[in-house]
């Protein structure tokens, strides 16, 4: 199975006081600081603009002081491009679960690739790389608006539904899938295990088969 590494951006408009820390990790990963130093990741490690976090063999949860959380699966990497006046995070590899606290005013939370934008204002969803150039997304709570500039197509993905972004551009029609509940959406270690144990691959294979 080959994966194409693209860049995804997660953006939230926030106050200047917002911060980010590593809330949980199942094993150590790596933090590449903006200044060029690399160090082992640790729980409660503060994260700054320009830092890149690599999970390696770990599952990791990043928590923002506004209440939103981002869970990185194994072999994922993100760069915190901005965490002050606006939240901008580049997903370099792997996949993420996002739990977005309800936003007020004109604030927005987006995940984008060069051709695709997934926008929310408070919801819980998964977004990641699939096979070849494909991306895929599914929603656990709320709804996500997905738009492709290349395919000139838009879809609203509701709770329990999933879509493919074929070739990283063309969005399939949303379909309801019970397996969205089988993914491990938990991001709070005090409430149970937050690690993924193969459910993502199984869910991807099942969805891909239904779209073939």
N, C-alpha and C. Protein backbone atom coordinates (compact mmCIF):
# COMPACT_ATOMS: atom_id res chain seq x y z
N UNK A 1 0.85 -1.19 0.00
CA UNK A 1 0.00 0.00 0.00
C UNK A 1 0.89 1.24 0.00
N UNK A 2 0.65 2.19 -0.96
CA UNK A 2 1.44 3.40 -1.02
C UNK A 2 0.59 4.58 -0.57
N UNK A 3 1.23 5.50 0.12
CA UNK A 3 0.55 6.69 0.59
C UNK A 3 1.18 7.92 -0.05
N UNK A 4 0.36 8.83 -0.51
CA UNK A 4 0.87 10.08 -1.05
C UNK A 4 0.81 11.12 0.04
N UNK A 5 1.93 11.75 0.36
CA UNK A 5 1.97 12.75 1.42
C UNK A 5 1.59 14.10 0.83
N UNK A 6 0.47 14.64 1.30
CA UNK A 6 0.00 15.97 0.92
C UNK A 6 0.05 16.85 2.16
N UNK A 7 -0.34 18.08 2.02
CA UNK A 7 -0.38 18.99 3.17
C UNK A 7 -1.81 19.40 3.44
N UNK A 8 -2.27 19.18 4.68
CA UNK A 8 -3.59 19.59 5.10
C UNK A 8 -3.44 20.71 6.09
N UNK A 9 -4.36 21.66 6.09
CA UNK A 9 -4.30 22.77 7.02
C UNK A 9 -5.55 22.80 7.88
N UNK A 10 -5.37 22.89 9.21
CA UNK A 10 -6.49 23.02 10.12
C UNK A 10 -6.43 24.43 10.67
N UNK A 11 -7.49 25.21 10.50
CA UNK A 11 -7.45 26.60 10.89
C UNK A 11 -8.59 26.94 11.83
N UNK A 12 -8.27 27.58 12.96
CA UNK A 12 -9.27 28.07 13.90
C UNK A 12 -8.90 29.50 14.27
N UNK A 13 -9.84 30.43 14.22
CA UNK A 13 -9.58 31.79 14.67
C UNK A 13 -9.74 31.82 16.18
N UNK A 14 -8.69 32.25 16.89
CA UNK A 14 -8.67 32.19 18.35
C UNK A 14 -8.07 33.47 18.91
N UNK A 15 -8.16 33.62 20.24
CA UNK A 15 -7.57 34.77 20.89
C UNK A 15 -6.07 34.60 21.02
N UNK A 16 -5.38 35.70 21.32
CA UNK A 16 -3.92 35.66 21.43
C UNK A 16 -3.45 34.82 22.59
N UNK A 17 -4.34 34.53 23.55
CA UNK A 17 -3.95 33.79 24.75
C UNK A 17 -3.97 32.28 24.56
N UNK A 18 -4.41 31.81 23.40
CA UNK A 18 -4.52 30.38 23.18
C UNK A 18 -3.17 29.68 23.21
N UNK A 19 -3.16 28.45 23.75
CA UNK A 19 -1.94 27.66 23.83
C UNK A 19 -2.23 26.23 23.40
N UNK A 20 -1.18 25.44 23.23
CA UNK A 20 -1.32 24.03 22.87
C UNK A 20 -0.32 23.21 23.66
N UNK A 21 -0.75 22.03 24.12
CA UNK A 21 0.14 21.12 24.84
C UNK A 21 -0.16 19.69 24.40
N UNK A 22 0.80 18.80 24.62
CA UNK A 22 0.55 17.38 24.41
C UNK A 22 -0.17 16.86 25.65
N UNK A 23 -1.40 16.45 25.47
CA UNK A 23 -2.24 16.00 26.58
C UNK A 23 -2.03 14.53 26.90
N UNK A 24 -1.69 13.73 25.88
CA UNK A 24 -1.55 12.28 26.04
C UNK A 24 -0.64 11.74 24.95
N UNK A 25 0.13 10.70 25.31
CA UNK A 25 0.86 9.93 24.31
C UNK A 25 1.01 8.50 24.82
N UNK A 26 0.85 7.54 23.91
CA UNK A 26 0.95 6.13 24.30
C UNK A 26 2.40 5.68 24.35
N UNK A 27 3.26 6.39 23.65
CA UNK A 27 4.70 6.15 23.66
C UNK A 27 5.33 7.47 23.23
N UNK A 28 6.62 7.59 23.34
CA UNK A 28 7.21 8.87 22.99
C UNK A 28 7.26 9.05 21.48
N UNK A 29 7.10 10.29 21.06
CA UNK A 29 7.28 10.66 19.67
C UNK A 29 8.40 11.67 19.60
N UNK A 30 8.32 12.59 18.66
CA UNK A 30 9.38 13.59 18.51
C UNK A 30 8.77 14.96 18.25
N UNK A 31 9.42 15.98 18.80
CA UNK A 31 9.05 17.37 18.53
C UNK A 31 10.24 18.04 17.86
N UNK A 32 10.03 18.52 16.67
CA UNK A 32 11.05 19.28 15.97
C UNK A 32 10.72 20.75 16.17
N UNK A 33 11.48 21.39 17.05
CA UNK A 33 11.20 22.77 17.39
C UNK A 33 11.48 23.70 16.21
N UNK A 34 10.78 24.83 16.22
CA UNK A 34 10.92 25.78 15.12
C UNK A 34 12.37 26.24 14.96
N UNK A 35 13.11 26.26 16.07
CA UNK A 35 14.50 26.70 16.01
C UNK A 35 15.46 25.68 15.49
N UNK A 36 14.98 24.45 15.21
CA UNK A 36 15.83 23.42 14.64
C UNK A 36 16.20 22.30 15.58
N UNK A 37 15.91 22.44 16.88
CA UNK A 37 16.24 21.40 17.85
C UNK A 37 15.17 20.31 17.83
N UNK A 38 15.57 19.05 17.94
CA UNK A 38 14.64 17.93 18.01
C UNK A 38 14.73 17.30 19.39
N UNK A 39 13.57 17.00 19.98
CA UNK A 39 13.54 16.40 21.32
C UNK A 39 12.44 15.35 21.40
N UNK A 40 12.56 14.49 22.39
CA UNK A 40 11.48 13.53 22.63
C UNK A 40 10.24 14.25 23.10
N UNK A 41 9.10 13.79 22.66
CA UNK A 41 7.85 14.37 23.13
C UNK A 41 7.55 13.86 24.53
N UNK A 42 6.77 14.61 25.28
CA UNK A 42 6.37 14.21 26.63
C UNK A 42 5.02 14.83 26.95
N UNK A 43 4.27 14.20 27.85
CA UNK A 43 2.98 14.72 28.27
C UNK A 43 3.18 16.08 28.95
N UNK A 44 2.31 17.02 28.63
CA UNK A 44 2.33 18.39 29.13
C UNK A 44 3.40 19.25 28.47
N UNK A 45 4.08 18.72 27.46
CA UNK A 45 5.06 19.52 26.74
C UNK A 45 4.34 20.64 26.00
N UNK A 46 4.73 21.90 26.22
CA UNK A 46 4.09 23.00 25.50
C UNK A 46 4.53 23.00 24.04
N UNK A 47 3.63 23.40 23.17
CA UNK A 47 3.93 23.46 21.74
C UNK A 47 3.85 24.90 21.27
N UNK A 48 4.77 25.27 20.40
CA UNK A 48 4.85 26.64 19.91
C UNK A 48 4.66 26.68 18.40
N UNK A 49 4.41 27.88 17.90
CA UNK A 49 4.27 28.04 16.45
C UNK A 49 5.53 27.58 15.74
N UNK A 50 5.34 26.83 14.67
CA UNK A 50 6.46 26.34 13.90
C UNK A 50 6.95 24.98 14.31
N UNK A 51 6.48 24.46 15.46
CA UNK A 51 6.89 23.12 15.91
C UNK A 51 6.24 22.05 15.04
N UNK A 52 6.99 20.98 14.77
CA UNK A 52 6.46 19.81 14.08
C UNK A 52 6.43 18.64 15.07
N UNK A 53 5.28 17.98 15.18
CA UNK A 53 5.12 16.83 16.08
C UNK A 53 4.99 15.58 15.24
N UNK A 54 5.81 14.58 15.54
CA UNK A 54 5.76 13.29 14.85
C UNK A 54 5.43 12.22 15.88
N UNK A 55 4.40 11.43 15.58
CA UNK A 55 3.97 10.43 16.56
C UNK A 55 4.84 9.18 16.55
N UNK A 56 5.47 8.86 15.43
CA UNK A 56 6.23 7.61 15.30
C UNK A 56 5.28 6.45 15.61
N UNK A 57 5.59 5.61 16.60
CA UNK A 57 4.73 4.47 16.94
C UNK A 57 3.71 4.82 18.01
N UNK A 58 3.54 6.10 18.29
CA UNK A 58 2.66 6.55 19.36
C UNK A 58 1.33 7.06 18.83
N UNK A 59 0.30 7.01 19.68
CA UNK A 59 -0.92 7.77 19.47
C UNK A 59 -0.81 8.99 20.36
N UNK A 60 -1.15 10.14 19.87
CA UNK A 60 -0.93 11.37 20.63
C UNK A 60 -2.14 12.28 20.57
N UNK A 61 -2.43 12.98 21.67
CA UNK A 61 -3.51 13.96 21.72
C UNK A 61 -2.93 15.33 22.02
N UNK A 62 -3.23 16.29 21.16
CA UNK A 62 -2.86 17.68 21.39
C UNK A 62 -4.11 18.43 21.83
N UNK A 63 -3.98 19.17 22.93
CA UNK A 63 -5.13 19.91 23.46
C UNK A 63 -4.86 21.41 23.38
N UNK A 64 -5.86 22.15 22.91
CA UNK A 64 -5.77 23.59 22.82
C UNK A 64 -6.57 24.20 23.96
N UNK A 65 -6.12 25.34 24.47
CA UNK A 65 -6.76 25.93 25.64
C UNK A 65 -8.20 26.35 25.37
N UNK A 66 -8.58 26.46 24.11
CA UNK A 66 -9.96 26.77 23.79
C UNK A 66 -10.89 25.58 23.92
N UNK A 67 -10.33 24.37 24.19
CA UNK A 67 -11.15 23.19 24.40
C UNK A 67 -11.11 22.19 23.27
N UNK A 68 -10.62 22.57 22.10
CA UNK A 68 -10.54 21.64 20.98
C UNK A 68 -9.39 20.66 21.19
N UNK A 69 -9.53 19.46 20.62
CA UNK A 69 -8.49 18.44 20.71
C UNK A 69 -8.23 17.84 19.34
N UNK A 70 -7.00 17.39 19.16
CA UNK A 70 -6.59 16.75 17.92
C UNK A 70 -5.85 15.47 18.28
N UNK A 71 -6.36 14.33 17.81
CA UNK A 71 -5.70 13.05 18.08
C UNK A 71 -4.97 12.60 16.82
N UNK A 72 -3.66 12.39 16.96
CA UNK A 72 -2.83 11.92 15.86
C UNK A 72 -2.64 10.42 15.98
N UNK A 73 -2.88 9.69 14.91
CA UNK A 73 -2.66 8.26 14.92
C UNK A 73 -1.17 7.97 14.72
N UNK A 74 -0.80 6.70 14.78
CA UNK A 74 0.60 6.32 14.59
C UNK A 74 1.11 6.76 13.22
N UNK A 75 2.39 7.09 13.18
CA UNK A 75 3.06 7.49 11.93
C UNK A 75 2.41 8.71 11.28
N UNK A 76 1.99 9.64 12.12
CA UNK A 76 1.42 10.89 11.63
C UNK A 76 2.36 12.04 11.99
N UNK A 77 2.20 13.16 11.29
CA UNK A 77 3.02 14.33 11.57
C UNK A 77 2.23 15.59 11.28
N UNK A 78 2.32 16.57 12.19
CA UNK A 78 1.68 17.87 12.00
C UNK A 78 2.66 18.98 12.32
N UNK A 79 2.51 20.10 11.65
CA UNK A 79 3.26 21.30 11.98
C UNK A 79 2.29 22.37 12.46
N UNK A 80 2.58 22.98 13.61
CA UNK A 80 1.74 24.04 14.14
C UNK A 80 2.18 25.36 13.52
N UNK A 81 1.58 25.69 12.41
CA UNK A 81 1.98 26.89 11.68
C UNK A 81 1.59 28.16 12.43
N UNK A 82 0.46 28.12 13.14
CA UNK A 82 0.02 29.27 13.94
C UNK A 82 -0.86 28.78 15.07
N UNK A 83 -0.66 29.31 16.29
CA UNK A 83 -1.52 28.93 17.42
C UNK A 83 -1.89 30.14 18.26
N UNK A 84 -1.75 31.33 17.70
CA UNK A 84 -2.10 32.53 18.45
C UNK A 84 -3.39 33.14 17.95
N UNK A 85 -3.28 34.13 17.09
CA UNK A 85 -4.49 34.80 16.61
C UNK A 85 -5.37 33.90 15.75
N UNK A 86 -4.77 32.90 15.13
CA UNK A 86 -5.55 31.91 14.39
C UNK A 86 -4.84 30.57 14.50
N UNK A 87 -5.62 29.52 14.39
CA UNK A 87 -5.07 28.17 14.51
C UNK A 87 -4.84 27.60 13.12
N UNK A 88 -3.60 27.30 12.81
CA UNK A 88 -3.27 26.75 11.50
C UNK A 88 -2.31 25.59 11.70
N UNK A 89 -2.74 24.39 11.33
CA UNK A 89 -1.95 23.18 11.54
C UNK A 89 -1.83 22.43 10.23
N UNK A 90 -0.64 22.12 9.83
CA UNK A 90 -0.41 21.38 8.59
C UNK A 90 -0.24 19.90 8.90
N UNK A 91 -1.10 19.06 8.34
CA UNK A 91 -0.96 17.62 8.47
C UNK A 91 -0.07 17.12 7.35
N UNK A 92 1.09 16.61 7.72
CA UNK A 92 2.08 16.19 6.74
C UNK A 92 1.97 14.73 6.35
N UNK A 93 1.45 13.91 7.26
CA UNK A 93 1.34 12.46 7.00
C UNK A 93 0.36 11.84 7.98
N UNK A 94 -0.19 10.69 7.63
CA UNK A 94 -1.05 9.94 8.54
C UNK A 94 -2.48 10.42 8.57
N UNK A 95 -3.06 10.47 9.76
CA UNK A 95 -4.47 10.84 9.90
C UNK A 95 -4.73 11.42 11.28
N UNK A 96 -5.84 12.15 11.38
CA UNK A 96 -6.18 12.82 12.64
C UNK A 96 -7.67 12.67 12.95
N UNK A 97 -7.97 12.66 14.24
CA UNK A 97 -9.33 12.83 14.73
C UNK A 97 -9.40 14.24 15.29
N UNK A 98 -10.42 14.99 14.92
CA UNK A 98 -10.58 16.36 15.42
C UNK A 98 -11.87 16.47 16.22
N UNK A 99 -11.76 17.03 17.42
CA UNK A 99 -12.93 17.32 18.25
C UNK A 99 -12.91 18.81 18.48
N UNK A 100 -13.78 19.52 17.77
CA UNK A 100 -13.75 20.97 17.75
C UNK A 100 -14.77 21.53 18.72
N UNK A 101 -14.29 22.32 19.68
CA UNK A 101 -15.20 22.98 20.61
C UNK A 101 -16.07 23.97 19.84
N UNK A 102 -17.28 24.18 20.32
CA UNK A 102 -18.21 25.08 19.62
C UNK A 102 -17.58 26.46 19.50
N UNK A 103 -17.56 26.97 18.28
CA UNK A 103 -16.92 28.25 18.01
C UNK A 103 -17.96 29.37 17.97
N UNK A 104 -17.54 30.55 18.36
CA UNK A 104 -18.45 31.70 18.38
C UNK A 104 -18.05 32.72 17.33
N UNK A 105 -18.94 33.65 17.07
CA UNK A 105 -18.64 34.71 16.12
C UNK A 105 -18.35 34.17 14.74
N UNK A 106 -17.32 34.73 14.12
CA UNK A 106 -16.95 34.30 12.77
C UNK A 106 -15.87 33.25 12.74
N UNK A 107 -15.56 32.65 13.91
CA UNK A 107 -14.49 31.64 13.96
C UNK A 107 -14.86 30.43 13.12
N UNK A 108 -13.85 29.80 12.53
CA UNK A 108 -14.07 28.62 11.71
C UNK A 108 -12.92 27.64 11.90
N UNK A 109 -13.20 26.38 11.70
CA UNK A 109 -12.20 25.33 11.80
C UNK A 109 -12.18 24.60 10.46
N UNK A 110 -11.03 24.58 9.82
CA UNK A 110 -10.95 23.99 8.48
C UNK A 110 -9.79 23.01 8.38
N UNK A 111 -10.02 21.96 7.60
CA UNK A 111 -8.93 21.11 7.15
C UNK A 111 -8.89 21.25 5.63
N UNK A 112 -7.73 21.59 5.09
CA UNK A 112 -7.66 21.76 3.65
C UNK A 112 -6.48 21.02 3.05
N UNK A 113 -6.63 20.62 1.80
CA UNK A 113 -5.53 20.20 0.94
C UNK A 113 -5.47 21.26 -0.14
N UNK A 114 -4.54 21.18 -1.08
CA UNK A 114 -4.51 22.19 -2.13
C UNK A 114 -5.83 22.33 -2.90
N UNK A 115 -6.65 21.28 -2.94
CA UNK A 115 -7.89 21.33 -3.71
C UNK A 115 -9.15 21.19 -2.87
N UNK A 116 -9.03 20.78 -1.61
CA UNK A 116 -10.20 20.43 -0.81
C UNK A 116 -10.22 21.20 0.50
N UNK A 117 -11.42 21.67 0.88
CA UNK A 117 -11.61 22.34 2.17
C UNK A 117 -12.73 21.63 2.91
N UNK A 118 -12.45 21.22 4.17
CA UNK A 118 -13.47 20.65 5.06
C UNK A 118 -13.66 21.63 6.20
N UNK A 119 -14.84 22.25 6.30
CA UNK A 119 -15.08 23.33 7.25
C UNK A 119 -16.14 22.96 8.27
N UNK A 120 -15.90 23.32 9.55
CA UNK A 120 -16.84 23.03 10.63
C UNK A 120 -16.87 24.21 11.60
N UNK A 121 -17.89 24.21 12.47
CA UNK A 121 -17.98 25.22 13.52
C UNK A 121 -18.22 24.55 14.87
N UNK A 122 -17.80 23.33 15.03
CA UNK A 122 -17.98 22.61 16.27
C UNK A 122 -18.53 21.23 15.98
N UNK A 123 -17.68 20.24 15.93
CA UNK A 123 -18.10 18.89 15.56
C UNK A 123 -16.96 17.92 15.84
N UNK A 124 -17.15 16.65 15.47
CA UNK A 124 -16.14 15.62 15.69
C UNK A 124 -16.03 14.78 14.43
N UNK A 125 -14.82 14.75 13.85
CA UNK A 125 -14.67 14.03 12.59
C UNK A 125 -13.26 13.47 12.45
N UNK A 126 -13.10 12.59 11.45
CA UNK A 126 -11.82 11.96 11.13
C UNK A 126 -11.44 12.35 9.71
N UNK A 127 -10.15 12.61 9.49
CA UNK A 127 -9.69 12.93 8.14
C UNK A 127 -8.29 12.35 7.98
N UNK A 128 -8.03 11.67 6.87
CA UNK A 128 -6.71 11.07 6.71
C UNK A 128 -6.42 10.63 5.29
N UNK A 129 -5.22 10.14 5.12
CA UNK A 129 -4.77 9.62 3.84
C UNK A 129 -5.22 8.18 3.69
N UNK A 130 -5.63 7.82 2.48
CA UNK A 130 -5.97 6.44 2.19
C UNK A 130 -4.93 5.86 1.25
N UNK A 131 -5.36 5.07 0.28
CA UNK A 131 -4.44 4.50 -0.69
C UNK A 131 -4.18 5.46 -1.83
N UNK A 132 -3.01 5.29 -2.45
CA UNK A 132 -2.64 6.10 -3.59
C UNK A 132 -2.83 7.59 -3.25
N UNK A 133 -3.63 8.31 -4.05
CA UNK A 133 -3.83 9.74 -3.83
C UNK A 133 -5.11 10.05 -3.07
N UNK A 134 -5.86 9.01 -2.68
CA UNK A 134 -7.16 9.23 -2.05
C UNK A 134 -7.02 9.79 -0.64
N UNK A 135 -8.02 10.58 -0.26
CA UNK A 135 -8.23 11.03 1.11
C UNK A 135 -9.61 10.51 1.52
N UNK A 136 -9.86 10.40 2.82
CA UNK A 136 -11.21 10.04 3.24
C UNK A 136 -11.56 10.72 4.54
N UNK A 137 -12.85 10.91 4.72
CA UNK A 137 -13.36 11.66 5.86
C UNK A 137 -14.65 11.02 6.34
N UNK A 138 -14.84 10.97 7.66
CA UNK A 138 -16.12 10.53 8.21
C UNK A 138 -16.43 11.36 9.45
N UNK A 139 -17.72 11.46 9.77
CA UNK A 139 -18.19 12.36 10.82
C UNK A 139 -18.87 11.57 11.93
N UNK A 140 -18.46 11.84 13.17
CA UNK A 140 -19.06 11.19 14.33
C UNK A 140 -20.16 12.03 14.94
N UNK A 141 -19.98 13.34 14.96
CA UNK A 141 -20.99 14.26 15.49
C UNK A 141 -21.00 15.53 14.64
N UNK A 142 -22.16 16.13 14.50
CA UNK A 142 -22.27 17.36 13.75
C UNK A 142 -22.25 17.14 12.26
N UNK A 143 -21.69 18.09 11.53
CA UNK A 143 -21.62 18.01 10.07
C UNK A 143 -20.37 18.73 9.59
N UNK A 144 -19.84 18.28 8.46
CA UNK A 144 -18.66 18.88 7.86
C UNK A 144 -18.97 19.23 6.41
N UNK A 145 -18.68 20.47 6.05
CA UNK A 145 -18.86 20.91 4.66
C UNK A 145 -17.55 20.69 3.93
N UNK A 146 -17.60 19.92 2.84
CA UNK A 146 -16.41 19.59 2.07
C UNK A 146 -16.55 20.17 0.67
N UNK A 147 -15.56 20.95 0.24
CA UNK A 147 -15.58 21.57 -1.08
C UNK A 147 -14.29 21.28 -1.82
N UNK A 148 -14.40 20.97 -3.11
CA UNK A 148 -13.24 20.72 -3.96
C UNK A 148 -13.18 21.77 -5.06
N UNK A 149 -12.11 22.57 -5.06
CA UNK A 149 -11.96 23.58 -6.10
C UNK A 149 -11.62 22.94 -7.44
N UNK A 150 -10.87 21.83 -7.40
CA UNK A 150 -10.46 21.17 -8.64
C UNK A 150 -11.66 20.52 -9.34
N UNK A 151 -12.49 19.82 -8.53
CA UNK A 151 -13.65 19.14 -9.11
C UNK A 151 -14.88 20.05 -9.17
N UNK A 152 -14.79 21.24 -8.56
CA UNK A 152 -15.91 22.18 -8.48
C UNK A 152 -17.15 21.48 -7.94
N UNK A 153 -16.95 20.82 -6.80
CA UNK A 153 -18.04 20.07 -6.19
C UNK A 153 -18.03 20.28 -4.68
N UNK A 154 -19.22 20.29 -4.09
CA UNK A 154 -19.35 20.45 -2.65
C UNK A 154 -20.27 19.38 -2.09
N UNK A 155 -19.99 18.96 -0.85
CA UNK A 155 -20.83 17.99 -0.17
C UNK A 155 -20.90 18.36 1.31
N UNK A 156 -22.02 18.09 1.93
CA UNK A 156 -22.14 18.21 3.38
C UNK A 156 -22.22 16.81 3.95
N UNK A 157 -21.25 16.46 4.77
CA UNK A 157 -21.16 15.12 5.36
C UNK A 157 -21.73 15.20 6.78
N UNK A 158 -22.80 14.44 7.03
CA UNK A 158 -23.49 14.51 8.31
C UNK A 158 -23.04 13.38 9.24
N UNK A 159 -23.52 13.44 10.45
CA UNK A 159 -23.18 12.44 11.47
C UNK A 159 -23.44 11.03 10.97
N UNK A 160 -22.43 10.15 11.11
CA UNK A 160 -22.55 8.78 10.68
C UNK A 160 -22.22 8.53 9.22
N UNK A 161 -21.91 9.59 8.48
CA UNK A 161 -21.62 9.46 7.05
C UNK A 161 -20.12 9.55 6.78
N UNK A 162 -19.74 9.10 5.58
CA UNK A 162 -18.35 9.17 5.16
C UNK A 162 -18.26 9.50 3.68
N UNK A 163 -17.12 10.04 3.26
CA UNK A 163 -16.87 10.31 1.85
C UNK A 163 -15.42 9.97 1.53
N UNK A 164 -15.16 9.78 0.24
CA UNK A 164 -13.80 9.70 -0.29
C UNK A 164 -13.53 10.98 -1.06
N UNK A 165 -12.29 11.41 -1.09
CA UNK A 165 -11.85 12.45 -2.00
C UNK A 165 -10.89 11.74 -2.95
N UNK A 166 -11.44 11.24 -4.04
CA UNK A 166 -10.69 10.40 -4.97
C UNK A 166 -9.62 11.20 -5.70
N UNK A 167 -8.40 10.69 -5.68
CA UNK A 167 -7.30 11.40 -6.29
C UNK A 167 -6.99 12.72 -5.61
N UNK A 168 -7.55 12.90 -4.41
CA UNK A 168 -7.34 14.15 -3.69
C UNK A 168 -8.16 15.30 -4.23
N UNK A 169 -9.12 15.04 -5.14
CA UNK A 169 -9.89 16.13 -5.74
C UNK A 169 -11.39 15.85 -5.81
N UNK A 170 -11.80 14.69 -6.31
CA UNK A 170 -13.22 14.42 -6.57
C UNK A 170 -13.91 13.82 -5.35
N UNK A 171 -14.93 14.49 -4.86
CA UNK A 171 -15.62 14.06 -3.64
C UNK A 171 -16.78 13.13 -4.00
N UNK A 172 -16.82 11.97 -3.37
CA UNK A 172 -17.93 11.05 -3.59
C UNK A 172 -19.16 11.52 -2.82
N UNK A 173 -20.31 10.97 -3.15
CA UNK A 173 -21.54 11.30 -2.43
C UNK A 173 -21.48 10.72 -1.02
N UNK A 174 -21.88 11.48 0.00
CA UNK A 174 -21.88 10.96 1.38
C UNK A 174 -22.79 9.75 1.51
N UNK A 175 -22.36 8.79 2.31
CA UNK A 175 -23.17 7.61 2.59
C UNK A 175 -23.12 7.32 4.08
N UNK A 176 -24.22 6.84 4.68
CA UNK A 176 -24.21 6.48 6.10
C UNK A 176 -23.51 5.14 6.31
N UNK A 177 -22.68 5.09 7.33
CA UNK A 177 -21.98 3.85 7.66
C UNK A 177 -21.96 3.66 9.17
N UNK A 178 -22.44 2.50 9.60
CA UNK A 178 -22.44 2.18 11.02
C UNK A 178 -21.05 2.05 11.60
N UNK A 179 -20.06 1.75 10.72
CA UNK A 179 -18.71 1.53 11.24
C UNK A 179 -18.05 2.79 11.75
N UNK A 180 -18.64 3.97 11.46
CA UNK A 180 -18.04 5.19 12.01
C UNK A 180 -17.99 5.11 13.54
N UNK A 181 -18.97 4.43 14.13
CA UNK A 181 -19.02 4.28 15.59
C UNK A 181 -17.97 3.30 16.08
N UNK A 182 -17.41 2.48 15.19
CA UNK A 182 -16.42 1.49 15.60
C UNK A 182 -15.02 2.08 15.71
N UNK A 183 -14.82 3.25 15.12
CA UNK A 183 -13.54 3.92 15.30
C UNK A 183 -13.42 4.39 16.74
N UNK A 184 -12.21 4.50 17.23
CA UNK A 184 -12.01 4.94 18.61
C UNK A 184 -11.97 6.46 18.66
N UNK A 185 -13.09 7.08 18.96
CA UNK A 185 -13.21 8.53 18.99
C UNK A 185 -12.74 9.11 20.32
N UNK A 186 -12.46 8.27 21.30
CA UNK A 186 -12.08 8.77 22.62
C UNK A 186 -10.76 9.53 22.57
N UNK A 187 -10.72 10.71 23.18
CA UNK A 187 -9.50 11.49 23.28
C UNK A 187 -9.14 11.79 24.73
N UNK A 188 -9.82 11.15 25.66
CA UNK A 188 -9.60 11.37 27.09
C UNK A 188 -9.15 10.06 27.73
N UNK A 189 -7.86 9.97 28.09
CA UNK A 189 -7.31 8.73 28.65
C UNK A 189 -7.98 8.34 29.95
N UNK A 190 -8.56 9.30 30.67
CA UNK A 190 -9.25 8.99 31.92
C UNK A 190 -10.56 8.25 31.67
N UNK A 191 -11.05 8.29 30.44
CA UNK A 191 -12.30 7.61 30.10
C UNK A 191 -12.07 6.29 29.38
N UNK A 192 -10.79 5.93 29.16
CA UNK A 192 -10.50 4.67 28.47
C UNK A 192 -9.37 4.81 27.48
N UNK A 193 -9.09 3.73 26.78
CA UNK A 193 -7.99 3.69 25.82
C UNK A 193 -8.26 4.64 24.65
N UNK A 194 -7.29 5.44 24.28
CA UNK A 194 -7.46 6.34 23.15
C UNK A 194 -6.81 5.81 21.88
N UNK A 195 -6.09 4.70 21.98
CA UNK A 195 -5.34 4.19 20.83
C UNK A 195 -6.25 3.53 19.80
N UNK A 196 -5.80 3.58 18.55
CA UNK A 196 -6.46 2.86 17.48
C UNK A 196 -5.83 1.47 17.37
N UNK A 197 -6.65 0.45 17.12
CA UNK A 197 -6.16 -0.93 17.06
C UNK A 197 -6.63 -1.63 15.81
N UNK A 198 -6.43 -0.98 14.67
CA UNK A 198 -6.77 -1.60 13.40
C UNK A 198 -8.11 -1.23 12.83
N UNK A 199 -8.93 -0.49 13.60
CA UNK A 199 -10.27 -0.15 13.12
C UNK A 199 -10.24 0.78 11.92
N UNK A 200 -9.23 1.64 11.85
CA UNK A 200 -9.16 2.59 10.74
C UNK A 200 -9.00 1.85 9.41
N UNK A 201 -8.08 0.91 9.35
CA UNK A 201 -7.86 0.16 8.11
C UNK A 201 -9.11 -0.62 7.73
N UNK A 202 -9.76 -1.27 8.71
CA UNK A 202 -10.96 -2.04 8.42
C UNK A 202 -12.07 -1.14 7.89
N UNK A 203 -12.23 0.04 8.52
CA UNK A 203 -13.25 0.97 8.09
C UNK A 203 -12.96 1.50 6.69
N UNK A 204 -11.71 1.80 6.43
CA UNK A 204 -11.32 2.30 5.10
C UNK A 204 -11.60 1.24 4.04
N UNK A 205 -11.21 0.00 4.29
CA UNK A 205 -11.41 -1.06 3.32
C UNK A 205 -12.90 -1.27 3.04
N UNK A 206 -13.73 -1.18 4.10
CA UNK A 206 -15.16 -1.39 3.92
C UNK A 206 -15.77 -0.25 3.11
N UNK A 207 -15.36 0.98 3.42
CA UNK A 207 -15.90 2.12 2.68
C UNK A 207 -15.42 2.08 1.23
N UNK A 208 -14.15 1.76 1.02
CA UNK A 208 -13.60 1.74 -0.34
C UNK A 208 -14.31 0.69 -1.20
N UNK A 209 -14.62 -0.44 -0.60
CA UNK A 209 -15.32 -1.51 -1.32
C UNK A 209 -16.70 -1.03 -1.76
N UNK A 210 -17.37 -0.30 -0.89
CA UNK A 210 -18.72 0.18 -1.21
C UNK A 210 -18.71 1.26 -2.27
N UNK A 211 -17.58 1.96 -2.42
CA UNK A 211 -17.50 3.01 -3.43
C UNK A 211 -16.99 2.49 -4.76
N UNK A 212 -16.40 1.32 -4.78
CA UNK A 212 -15.87 0.75 -6.04
C UNK A 212 -17.02 0.46 -7.02
